[in-house]
PDB file of N, CA and C in Angstrom:
ATOM      1  N   MET A   1      50.272 106.473  69.916  1.00  0.00           N
ATOM      2  CA  MET A   1      49.100 105.785  71.158  1.00  0.00           C
ATOM      3  C   MET A   1      48.529 106.501  71.545  1.00  0.00           C
ATOM      4  N   ALA A   2      47.473 105.772  71.904  1.00  0.00           N
ATOM      5  CA  ALA A   2      46.288 107.107  73.035  1.00  0.00           C
ATOM      6  C   ALA A   2      46.073 106.642  74.007  1.00  0.00           C
ATOM      7  N   LEU A   3      45.797 107.206  74.838  1.00  0.00           N
ATOM      8  CA  LEU A   3      46.010 107.629  76.434  1.00  0.00           C
ATOM      9  C   LEU A   3      44.906 106.681  76.636  1.00  0.00           C
ATOM     10  N   THR A   4      44.799 106.119  77.695  1.00  0.00           N
ATOM     11  CA  THR A   4      43.202 105.638  78.129  1.00  0.00           C
ATOM     12  C   THR A   4      44.168 105.192  80.217  1.00  0.00           C
ATOM     13  N   LEU A   5      42.746 105.748  80.388  1.00  0.00           N
ATOM     14  CA  LEU A   5      42.417 105.373  81.690  1.00  0.00           C
ATOM     15  C   LEU A   5      42.149 103.261  82.002  1.00  0.00           C
ATOM     16  N   LYS A   6      43.340 103.329  83.625  1.00  0.00           N
ATOM     17  CA  LYS A   6      43.451 101.988  83.338  1.00  0.00           C
ATOM     18  C   LYS A   6      42.605 101.920  85.138  1.00  0.00           C
ATOM     19  N   LYS A   7      42.651 103.093  86.011  1.00  0.00           N
ATOM     20  CA  LYS A   7      42.764 102.789  87.220  1.00  0.00           C
ATOM     21  C   LYS A   7      42.150 104.412  87.551  1.00  0.00           C
ATOM     22  N   ILE A   8      40.999 104.098  89.195  1.00  0.00           N
ATOM     23  CA  ILE A   8      40.837 105.409  89.582  1.00  0.00           C
ATOM     24  C   ILE A   8      40.654 104.607  90.954  1.00  0.00           C
ATOM     25  N   ILE A   9      41.647 105.333  91.641  1.00  0.00           N
ATOM     26  CA  ILE A   9      42.385 104.856  93.128  1.00  0.00           C
ATOM     27  C   ILE A   9      41.621 106.064  94.147  1.00  0.00           C
ATOM     28  N   MET A  10      40.506 105.727  95.037  1.00  0.00           N
ATOM     29  CA  MET A  10      40.044 107.003  95.721  1.00  0.00           C
ATOM     30  C   MET A  10      39.562 105.916  96.989  1.00  0.00           C
ATOM     31  N   GLN A  11      40.228 107.606  97.486  1.00  0.00           N
ATOM     32  CA  GLN A  11      40.490 106.703  99.662  1.00  0.00           C
ATOM     33  C   GLN A  11      40.061 108.640 100.516  1.00  0.00           C
ATOM     34  N   PRO A  12      38.171 108.273 100.513  1.00  0.00           N
ATOM     35  CA  PRO A  12      38.087 110.129 101.339  1.00  0.00           C
ATOM     36  C   PRO A  12      39.014 109.595 102.595  1.00  0.00           C
ATOM     37  N   GLY A  13      38.674 111.051 103.333  1.00  0.00           N
ATOM     38  CA  GLY A  13      39.311 111.304 104.449  1.00  0.00           C
ATOM     39  C   GLY A  13      38.315 110.802 105.653  1.00  0.00           C
ATOM     40  N   ASN A  14      39.876 110.387 106.299  1.00  0.00           N
ATOM     41  CA  ASN A  14      38.540 109.980 107.637  1.00  0.00           C
ATOM     42  C   ASN A  14      37.529 109.902 108.060  1.00  0.00           C
ATOM     43  N   GLY A  15      36.625 110.209 108.897  1.00  0.00           N
ATOM     44  CA  GLY A  15      35.820 110.196 109.663  1.00  0.00           C
ATOM     45  C   GLY A  15      34.416 110.966 108.748  1.00  0.00           C
ATOM     46  N   ILE A  16      34.125 110.053 107.812  1.00  0.00           N
ATOM     47  CA  ILE A  16      33.290 110.037 106.598  1.00  0.00           C
ATOM     48  C   ILE A  16      32.825 108.840 107.286  1.00  0.00           C
ATOM     49  N   ASP A  17      31.772 108.926 107.916  1.00  0.00           N
ATOM     50  CA  ASP A  17      30.189 106.988 107.751  1.00  0.00           C
ATOM     51  C   ASP A  17      29.804 106.610 106.578  1.00  0.00           C
ATOM     52  N   ALA A  18      29.967 105.073 106.794  1.00  0.00           N
ATOM     53  CA  ALA A  18      30.095 104.687 105.593  1.00  0.00           C
ATOM     54  C   ALA A  18      28.483 104.448 105.147  1.00  0.00           C
ATOM     55  N   SER A  19      27.344 105.306 104.901  1.00  0.00           N
ATOM     56  CA  SER A  19      26.406 105.769 104.388  1.00  0.00           C
ATOM     57  C   SER A  19      26.993 107.171 103.400  1.00  0.00           C
ATOM     58  N   GLU A  20      27.746 108.204 104.247  1.00  0.00           N
ATOM     59  CA  GLU A  20      28.640 109.240 102.591  1.00  0.00           C
ATOM     60  C   GLU A  20      29.287 108.619 101.831  1.00  0.00           C
ATOM     61  N   ASN A  21      30.383 107.330 102.422  1.00  0.00           N
ATOM     62  CA  ASN A  21      31.393 106.613 101.665  1.00  0.00           C
ATOM     63  C   ASN A  21      29.977 105.985 100.046  1.00  0.00           C
ATOM     64  N   LEU A  22      29.284 105.966 100.456  1.00  0.00           N
ATOM     65  CA  LEU A  22      28.723 104.779  99.509  1.00  0.00           C
ATOM     66  C   LEU A  22      27.897 106.263  99.069  1.00  0.00           C
ATOM     67  N   ARG A  23      27.266 106.858  99.591  1.00  0.00           N
ATOM     68  CA  ARG A  23      26.915 107.981  98.269  1.00  0.00           C
ATOM     69  C   ARG A  23      28.205 108.128  97.722  1.00  0.00           C
ATOM     70  N   ILE A  24      28.897 108.646  97.434  1.00  0.00           N
ATOM     71  CA  ILE A  24      30.455 109.462  96.996  1.00  0.00           C
ATOM     72  C   ILE A  24      30.427 108.051  96.559  1.00  0.00           C
ATOM     73  N   LEU A  25      30.762 106.831  96.397  1.00  0.00           N
ATOM     74  CA  LEU A  25      30.567 105.638  95.395  1.00  0.00           C
ATOM     75  C   LEU A  25      29.886 105.666  93.934  1.00  0.00           C
ATOM     76  N   LYS A  26      28.203 105.755  94.138  1.00  0.00           N
ATOM     77  CA  LYS A  26      27.841 105.690  94.091  1.00  0.00           C
ATOM     78  C   LYS A  26      27.540 106.582  93.065  1.00  0.00           C
ATOM     79  N   GLU A  27      28.074 107.869  93.429  1.00  0.00           N
ATOM     80  CA  GLU A  27      27.847 109.234  92.194  1.00  0.00           C
ATOM     81  C   GLU A  27      29.392 109.179  91.776  1.00  0.00           C
ATOM     82  N   VAL A  28      30.653 108.458  91.825  1.00  0.00           N
ATOM     83  CA  VAL A  28      31.993 108.202  90.986  1.00  0.00           C
ATOM     84  C   VAL A  28      31.358 107.259  89.710  1.00  0.00           C
ATOM     85  N   ILE A  29      30.782 106.705  90.203  1.00  0.00           N
ATOM     86  CA  ILE A  29      30.688 104.818  89.176  1.00  0.00           C
ATOM     87  C   ILE A  29      29.526 105.224  88.342  1.00  0.00           C
ATOM     88  N   ARG A  30      28.662 106.530  87.907  1.00  0.00           N
ATOM     89  CA  ARG A  30      27.900 107.085  87.098  1.00  0.00           C
ATOM     90  C   ARG A  30      28.192 107.566  86.091  1.00  0.00           C
ATOM     91  N   PHE A  31      29.701 108.040  86.128  1.00  0.00           N
ATOM     92  CA  PHE A  31      30.191 108.692  85.249  1.00  0.00           C
ATOM     93  C   PHE A  31      30.448 108.190  84.695  1.00  0.00           C
ATOM     94  N   LYS A  32      30.297 108.799  82.733  1.00  0.00           N
ATOM     95  CA  LYS A  32      30.723 107.613  82.292  1.00  0.00           C
ATOM     96  C   LYS A  32      32.374 107.612  82.205  1.00  0.00           C
ATOM     97  N   ARG A  33      32.955 106.611  81.791  1.00  0.00           N
ATOM     98  CA  ARG A  33      34.096 107.276  80.471  1.00  0.00           C
ATOM     99  C   ARG A  33      34.868 106.674  79.666  1.00  0.00           C
ATOM    100  N   VAL A  34      35.970 107.344  79.257  1.00  0.00           N
ATOM    101  CA  VAL A  34      35.933 107.290  77.911  1.00  0.00           C
ATOM    102  C   VAL A  34      36.495 105.594  77.777  1.00  0.00           C
ATOM    103  N   SER A  35      37.423 105.045  78.840  1.00  0.00           N
ATOM    104  CA  SER A  35      37.235 103.701  78.837  1.00  0.00           C
ATOM    105  C   SER A  35      36.891 102.695  79.671  1.00  0.00           C
ATOM    106  N   PRO A  36      35.559 101.668  79.146  1.00  0.00           N
ATOM    107  CA  PRO A  36      34.506 100.527  79.831  1.00  0.00           C
ATOM    108  C   PRO A  36      34.797 100.334  80.545  1.00  0.00           C
ATOM    109  N   HIS A  37      36.378  99.348  80.533  1.00  0.00           N
ATOM    110  CA  HIS A  37      37.511  98.958  81.133  1.00  0.00           C
ATOM    111  C   HIS A  37      38.058  99.387  82.682  1.00  0.00           C
ATOM    112  N   ALA A  38      37.787 100.578  82.542  1.00  0.00           N
ATOM    113  CA  ALA A  38      38.993 101.497  83.683  1.00  0.00           C
ATOM    114  C   ALA A  38      38.399 100.932  85.116  1.00  0.00           C
ATOM    115  N   GLU A  39      38.582  99.963  85.840  1.00  0.00           N
ATOM    116  CA  GLU A  39      39.003  99.932  87.188  1.00  0.00           C
ATOM    117  C   GLU A  39      38.293 101.110  87.731  1.00  0.00           C
ATOM    118  N   ILE A  40      37.530 101.348  88.891  1.00  0.00           N
ATOM    119  CA  ILE A  40      37.215 101.793  90.096  1.00  0.00           C
ATOM    120  C   ILE A  40      37.733 100.707  91.042  1.00  0.00           C
ATOM    121  N   ILE A  41      38.769 101.901  91.837  1.00  0.00           N
ATOM    122  CA  ILE A  41      39.321 101.128  93.355  1.00  0.00           C
ATOM    123  C   ILE A  41      38.869 101.976  94.714  1.00  0.00           C
ATOM    124  N   TYR A  42      37.962 102.365  95.558  1.00  0.00           N
ATOM    125  CA  TYR A  42      38.144 102.316  96.508  1.00  0.00           C
ATOM    126  C   TYR A  42      38.011 101.673  98.131  1.00  0.00           C
ATOM    127  N   LEU A  43      39.205 103.010  98.161  1.00  0.00           N
ATOM    128  CA  LEU A  43      39.707 102.073  99.528  1.00  0.00           C
ATOM    129  C   LEU A  43      39.297 102.527 100.663  1.00  0.00           C
ATOM    130  N   ASN A  44      39.065 102.411 101.986  1.00  0.00           N
ATOM    131  CA  ASN A  44      38.467 101.750 102.913  1.00  0.00           C
ATOM    132  C   ASN A  44      39.205 103.537 104.381  1.00  0.00           C
ATOM    133  N   PRO A  45      38.494 104.104 104.450  1.00  0.00           N
ATOM    134  CA  PRO A  45      39.456 105.164 104.550  1.00  0.00           C
ATOM    135  C   PRO A  45      40.160 105.315 105.882  1.00  0.00           C
ATOM    136  N   ASN A  46      40.062 104.096 106.036  1.00  0.00           N
ATOM    137  CA  ASN A  46      39.993 104.143 107.375  1.00  0.00           C
ATOM    138  C   ASN A  46      41.935 103.469 107.562  1.00  0.00           C
ATOM    139  N   ASP A  47      42.163 102.271 106.311  1.00  0.00           N
ATOM    140  CA  ASP A  47      42.968 102.054 106.166  1.00  0.00           C
ATOM    141  C   ASP A  47      44.274 103.006 106.130  1.00  0.00           C
ATOM    142  N   ASP A  48      45.690 102.646 107.168  1.00  0.00           N
ATOM    143  CA  ASP A  48      46.411 103.412 107.414  1.00  0.00           C
ATOM    144  C   ASP A  48      47.607 102.840 105.820  1.00  0.00           C
ATOM    145  N   ASP A  49      47.422 102.072 105.258  1.00  0.00           N
ATOM    146  CA  ASP A  49      47.846 101.586 103.859  1.00  0.00           C
ATOM    147  C   ASP A  49      47.398 102.482 103.054  1.00  0.00           C
ATOM    148  N   GLU A  50      47.967 102.620 102.203  1.00  0.00           N
ATOM    149  CA  GLU A  50      47.541 103.895 101.326  1.00  0.00           C
ATOM    150  C   GLU A  50      48.229 102.623  99.691  1.00  0.00           C
ATOM    151  N   MET A  51      47.740 103.107  98.450  1.00  0.00           N
ATOM    152  CA  MET A  51      48.084 102.641  97.633  1.00  0.00           C
ATOM    153  C   MET A  51      48.620 103.235  96.361  1.00  0.00           C
ATOM    154  N   PHE A  52      49.970 103.249  96.292  1.00  0.00           N
ATOM    155  CA  PHE A  52      50.292 104.431  95.390  1.00  0.00           C
ATOM    156  C   PHE A  52      50.987 102.708  94.093  1.00  0.00           C
ATOM    157  N   VAL A  53      50.489 103.362  92.814  1.00  0.00           N
ATOM    158  CA  VAL A  53      50.747 102.909  91.277  1.00  0.00           C
ATOM    159  C   VAL A  53      51.736 103.677  90.352  1.00  0.00           C
TER     160      VAL A  53
END
């Protein structure tokens, strides 16, 4: 069975402004992924609710 990447979950630290968040997200989605169907989940840095999978 081959391993496949299903999700990439990112949550930047507090204090990062919206333009910096957008720059980071744009940079991340440019990376080629082995699995083209991998989901990128970019959480709001100000959310206290963290997502654990």
